[in-house]
Amino acid sequence: MARIQQLAAQGKKIQAVKELRQHTGLGLKQAKDTVDRMAESAVVGAHDVPTPAPADPTDDVMARIQVLVAEGKKIQAIKLLIDNAPELDLKKAKEIVDRL
């Protein structure tokens, strides 16, 4: 997800949408809307101190997170995301899960 956020912040939205769809299986509209929100939040946070990019969770982990979200188990999805990307804080992990 960090790479997708980075692409969105750099204005490379098409590549970000492609990678988001590959990682999550989202439809085109959902992926585009998510990337647009990522790009907007990058502009808002442009003056923040840069932090190291978190490691991307594996496709398997992202698939399990999507299943948990689909089952309405967002808390478990957030926990799984943090367990696999410990550099994410709770707020950032929740934002990512909410976008799925």
Protein backbone atom coordinates (compact mmCIF):
# COMPACT_ATOMS: atom_id res chain seq x y z
CA MET A 1 0.00 0.00 0.00
CA ALA A 2 2.90 2.34 0.65
CA ARG A 3 3.99 2.12 -2.97
CA ILE A 4 0.46 2.90 -4.13
CA GLN A 5 0.30 5.91 -1.80
CA GLN A 6 3.67 7.06 -3.10
CA LEU A 7 2.53 6.76 -6.73
CA ALA A 8 -0.67 8.68 -5.92
CA ALA A 9 1.32 11.43 -4.20
CA GLN A 10 3.60 11.69 -7.25
CA GLY A 11 0.58 12.11 -9.53
CA LYS A 12 1.07 8.68 -11.14
CA LYS A 13 -2.57 7.81 -10.62
CA ILE A 14 -2.96 5.34 -13.47
CA GLN A 15 -0.07 3.20 -12.21
CA ALA A 16 -1.39 3.52 -8.64
CA VAL A 17 -4.86 2.35 -9.74
CA LYS A 18 -3.36 -0.62 -11.61
CA GLU A 19 -1.29 -1.70 -8.61
CA LEU A 20 -4.17 -1.19 -6.17
CA ARG A 21 -6.43 -3.37 -8.31
CA GLN A 22 -3.74 -6.07 -8.47
CA HIS A 23 -3.25 -6.02 -4.69
CA THR A 24 -6.89 -5.83 -3.67
CA GLY A 25 -9.05 -7.02 -6.54
CA LEU A 26 -11.09 -3.81 -6.36
CA GLY A 27 -13.10 -2.68 -9.37
CA LEU A 28 -11.86 0.19 -11.50
CA LYS A 29 -14.14 2.85 -9.99
CA GLN A 30 -13.40 1.84 -6.39
CA ALA A 31 -9.66 1.76 -7.07
CA LYS A 32 -9.75 5.15 -8.82
CA ASP A 33 -11.75 6.72 -5.98
CA THR A 34 -9.32 5.28 -3.42
CA VAL A 35 -6.28 6.58 -5.32
CA ASP A 36 -7.93 10.00 -5.67
CA ARG A 37 -8.43 10.12 -1.89
CA MET A 38 -4.83 9.05 -1.35
CA ALA A 39 -3.61 11.80 -3.67
CA GLU A 40 -5.75 14.40 -1.88
CA SER A 41 -4.48 13.34 1.53
CA ALA A 42 -0.90 13.48 0.21
CA VAL A 43 -1.44 17.11 -0.82
CA VAL A 44 -2.91 17.96 2.58
CA GLY A 45 -0.02 16.24 4.36
CA ALA A 46 2.69 17.51 2.02
CA HIS A 47 4.23 19.66 4.75
CA ASP A 48 4.49 16.76 7.19
CA VAL A 49 7.87 15.33 8.03
CA PRO A 50 8.55 12.44 5.66
CA THR A 51 8.47 9.00 7.22
CA PRO A 52 9.93 5.80 5.85
CA ALA A 53 7.55 3.95 3.57
CA PRO A 54 5.97 0.92 5.22
CA ALA A 55 6.58 -2.50 3.75
CA ASP A 56 3.75 -3.73 1.55
CA PRO A 57 1.83 -6.65 3.00
CA THR A 58 1.83 -9.71 0.76
CA ASP A 59 -1.01 -10.42 -1.64
CA ASP A 60 -2.09 -13.30 0.60
CA VAL A 61 -2.35 -11.01 3.62
CA MET A 62 -4.27 -8.40 1.62
CA ALA A 63 -6.66 -11.11 0.41
CA ARG A 64 -7.27 -12.24 4.00
CA ILE A 65 -7.83 -8.61 5.04
CA GLN A 66 -10.39 -8.18 2.26
CA VAL A 67 -12.23 -11.31 3.39
CA LEU A 68 -12.33 -10.02 6.96
CA VAL A 69 -13.68 -6.64 5.77
CA ALA A 70 -16.32 -8.39 3.64
CA GLU A 71 -17.36 -10.38 6.72
CA GLY A 72 -17.69 -7.15 8.71
CA LYS A 73 -14.65 -7.94 10.86
CA LYS A 74 -12.82 -4.63 10.43
CA ILE A 75 -11.08 -4.75 13.80
CA GLN A 76 -9.54 -8.13 12.96
CA ALA A 77 -8.58 -6.81 9.52
CA ILE A 78 -6.84 -3.80 11.07
CA LYS A 79 -5.04 -6.04 13.55
CA LEU A 80 -3.86 -8.36 10.76
CA LEU A 81 -2.61 -5.38 8.75
CA ILE A 82 -0.66 -3.98 11.71
CA ASP A 83 0.79 -7.43 12.47
CA ASN A 84 2.12 -7.62 8.90
CA ALA A 85 3.17 -3.98 8.58
CA PRO A 86 4.19 -2.99 12.14
CA GLU A 87 5.45 0.40 11.02
CA LEU A 88 1.81 1.43 10.44
CA ASP A 89 0.09 3.11 13.33
CA LEU A 90 -3.51 2.33 14.24
CA LYS A 91 -4.91 5.40 12.47
CA LYS A 92 -3.12 4.67 9.18
CA ALA A 93 -4.08 0.98 9.28
CA LYS A 94 -7.73 1.93 9.89
CA GLU A 95 -7.65 4.36 6.95
CA ILE A 96 -6.31 1.63 4.67
CA VAL A 97 -8.90 -0.92 5.81
CA ASP A 98 -11.69 1.66 5.46
CA ARG A 99 -10.69 2.18 1.81
CA LEU A 100 -11.13 -1.51 1.00
